[in-house]
Amino acid sequence: MTQQNLHQKLQQASRQIKSAQQAVSDAQGSDAQLLEQAEQRLQQAEDELQTAREQAGTEATENPQFQQASEQLHDTRQQVQEAQQNNNDIL
């Protein structure tokens, strides 16, 4: 994988994560559909990161942008799960 392709994959993953973070923020407290959209975006981001990992190996996983995206993915997925649990508690 060329450096440019790796960068593009990581950028796409970061955009998906940011979009998911916004959906989680917008959904706080009530909107299950937005949480589902956030989960779908996170899955897309995870797929992008997996593709980058498969194609670039350690070049990808040692990249600071990859590491940051992975951390954000994990953190945002936890936020989605917490929001879903809060919605279930309300119901």
C-alpha atoms as a PDB file:
ATOM      1  CA  MET A   1       0.000   0.000   0.000  1.00  0.00           C
ATOM      2  CA  THR A   2       1.432   3.352  -0.928  1.00  0.00           C
ATOM      3  CA  GLN A   3       1.781   6.060   1.672  1.00  0.00           C
ATOM      4  CA  GLN A   4      -0.911   8.090  -0.125  1.00  0.00           C
ATOM      5  CA  ASN A   5      -3.381   5.174  -0.133  1.00  0.00           C
ATOM      6  CA  LEU A   6      -2.722   4.538   3.558  1.00  0.00           C
ATOM      7  CA  HIS A   7      -3.307   8.205   4.280  1.00  0.00           C
ATOM      8  CA  GLN A   8      -6.578   8.127   2.328  1.00  0.00           C
ATOM      9  CA  LYS A   9      -7.821   5.045   4.196  1.00  0.00           C
ATOM     10  CA  LEU A  10      -6.966   6.627   7.526  1.00  0.00           C
ATOM     11  CA  GLN A  11      -8.670   9.882   6.516  1.00  0.00           C
ATOM     12  CA  GLN A  12     -11.819   7.976   5.534  1.00  0.00           C
ATOM     13  CA  ALA A  13     -11.818   6.137   8.850  1.00  0.00           C
ATOM     14  CA  SER A  14     -11.376   9.403  10.745  1.00  0.00           C
ATOM     15  CA  ARG A  15     -14.277  11.005   8.882  1.00  0.00           C
ATOM     16  CA  GLN A  16     -16.523   8.033   9.679  1.00  0.00           C
ATOM     17  CA  ILE A  17     -15.569   8.211  13.354  1.00  0.00           C
ATOM     18  CA  LYS A  18     -16.209  11.965  13.529  1.00  0.00           C
ATOM     19  CA  SER A  19     -19.581  11.452  11.862  1.00  0.00           C
ATOM     20  CA  ALA A  20     -20.412   8.732  14.368  1.00  0.00           C
ATOM     21  CA  GLN A  21     -19.340  10.954  17.259  1.00  0.00           C
ATOM     22  CA  GLN A  22     -21.685  13.679  16.008  1.00  0.00           C
ATOM     23  CA  ALA A  23     -24.559  11.213  15.692  1.00  0.00           C
ATOM     24  CA  VAL A  24     -23.968  10.005  19.257  1.00  0.00           C
ATOM     25  CA  SER A  25     -23.949  13.575  20.487  1.00  0.00           C
ATOM     26  CA  ASP A  26     -27.153  14.363  18.598  1.00  0.00           C
ATOM     27  CA  ALA A  27     -28.842  11.194  19.904  1.00  0.00           C
ATOM     28  CA  GLN A  28     -28.047  11.625  23.592  1.00  0.00           C
ATOM     29  CA  GLY A  29     -31.007  10.527  25.581  1.00  0.00           C
ATOM     30  CA  SER A  30     -33.531   9.436  23.022  1.00  0.00           C
ATOM     31  CA  ASP A  31     -32.842   8.764  19.357  1.00  0.00           C
ATOM     32  CA  ALA A  32     -32.223   5.068  18.709  1.00  0.00           C
ATOM     33  CA  GLN A  33     -32.101   5.638  14.950  1.00  0.00           C
ATOM     34  CA  LEU A  34     -29.181   8.082  15.267  1.00  0.00           C
ATOM     35  CA  LEU A  35     -27.396   5.616  17.500  1.00  0.00           C
ATOM     36  CA  GLU A  36     -27.880   2.938  14.859  1.00  0.00           C
ATOM     37  CA  GLN A  37     -26.432   5.297  12.236  1.00  0.00           C
ATOM     38  CA  ALA A  38     -23.476   5.956  14.517  1.00  0.00           C
ATOM     39  CA  GLU A  39     -22.915   2.218  14.904  1.00  0.00           C
ATOM     40  CA  GLN A  40     -22.998   1.772  11.122  1.00  0.00           C
ATOM     41  CA  ARG A  41     -20.443   4.563  10.639  1.00  0.00           C
ATOM     42  CA  LEU A  42     -18.214   2.997  13.260  1.00  0.00           C
ATOM     43  CA  GLN A  43     -18.415  -0.320  11.433  1.00  0.00           C
ATOM     44  CA  GLN A  44     -17.409   1.432   8.202  1.00  0.00           C
ATOM     45  CA  ALA A  45     -14.492   3.077   9.994  1.00  0.00           C
ATOM     46  CA  GLU A  46     -13.455  -0.250  11.472  1.00  0.00           C
ATOM     47  CA  ASP A  47     -13.574  -1.786   7.991  1.00  0.00           C
ATOM     48  CA  GLU A  48     -11.337   1.008   6.650  1.00  0.00           C
ATOM     49  CA  LEU A  49      -8.841   0.467   9.447  1.00  0.00           C
ATOM     50  CA  GLN A  50      -8.895  -3.292   8.887  1.00  0.00           C
ATOM     51  CA  THR A  51      -8.235  -2.812   5.169  1.00  0.00           C
ATOM     52  CA  ALA A  52      -5.346  -0.470   5.952  1.00  0.00           C
ATOM     53  CA  ARG A  53      -3.953  -2.999   8.448  1.00  0.00           C
ATOM     54  CA  GLU A  54      -4.230  -5.857   5.955  1.00  0.00           C
ATOM     55  CA  GLN A  55      -2.681  -3.917   3.092  1.00  0.00           C
ATOM     56  CA  ALA A  56       0.044  -2.018   4.925  1.00  0.00           C
ATOM     57  CA  GLY A  57       0.757  -4.170   7.976  1.00  0.00           C
ATOM     58  CA  THR A  58       2.979  -2.532  10.569  1.00  0.00           C
ATOM     59  CA  GLU A  59       3.315   0.547   8.387  1.00  0.00           C
ATOM     60  CA  ALA A  60      -0.347   1.158   9.172  1.00  0.00           C
ATOM     61  CA  THR A  61      -0.433   0.056  12.792  1.00  0.00           C
ATOM     62  CA  GLU A  62       2.633   2.108  13.714  1.00  0.00           C
ATOM     63  CA  ASN A  63       1.178   5.199  12.057  1.00  0.00           C
ATOM     64  CA  PRO A  64       0.070   7.758  14.700  1.00  0.00           C
ATOM     65  CA  GLN A  65      -3.035   8.604  12.674  1.00  0.00           C
ATOM     66  CA  PHE A  66      -3.999   4.909  12.630  1.00  0.00           C
ATOM     67  CA  GLN A  67      -3.460   4.634  16.372  1.00  0.00           C
ATOM     68  CA  GLN A  68      -5.519   7.770  17.045  1.00  0.00           C
ATOM     69  CA  ALA A  69      -8.340   6.556  14.802  1.00  0.00           C
ATOM     70  CA  SER A  70      -8.336   3.189  16.570  1.00  0.00           C
ATOM     71  CA  GLU A  71      -8.581   4.870  19.964  1.00  0.00           C
ATOM     72  CA  GLN A  72     -11.365   7.178  18.792  1.00  0.00           C
ATOM     73  CA  LEU A  73     -13.215   4.213  17.316  1.00  0.00           C
ATOM     74  CA  HIS A  74     -13.032   2.361  20.616  1.00  0.00           C
ATOM     75  CA  ASP A  75     -14.064   5.426  22.655  1.00  0.00           C
ATOM     76  CA  THR A  76     -16.960   6.293  20.364  1.00  0.00           C
ATOM     77  CA  ARG A  77     -18.195   2.696  20.340  1.00  0.00           C
ATOM     78  CA  GLN A  78     -18.277   2.839  24.157  1.00  0.00           C
ATOM     79  CA  GLN A  79     -20.279   6.093  23.966  1.00  0.00           C
ATOM     80  CA  VAL A  80     -22.784   4.433  21.634  1.00  0.00           C
ATOM     81  CA  GLN A  81     -23.145   1.467  23.983  1.00  0.00           C
ATOM     82  CA  GLU A  82     -23.615   3.756  26.988  1.00  0.00           C
ATOM     83  CA  ALA A  83     -26.213   5.828  25.131  1.00  0.00           C
ATOM     84  CA  GLN A  84     -28.047   2.666  24.069  1.00  0.00           C
ATOM     85  CA  GLN A  85     -28.019   1.426  27.653  1.00  0.00           C
ATOM     86  CA  ASN A  86     -29.329   4.790  28.880  1.00  0.00           C
ATOM     87  CA  ASN A  87     -32.123   4.620  26.308  1.00  0.00           C
ATOM     88  CA  ASN A  88     -33.002   1.107  27.459  1.00  0.00           C
ATOM     89  CA  ASP A  89     -33.015   2.265  31.092  1.00  0.00           C
ATOM     90  CA  ILE A  90     -35.443   5.066  30.207  1.00  0.00           C
ATOM     91  CA  LEU A  91     -37.798   2.596  28.548  1.00  0.00           C
END
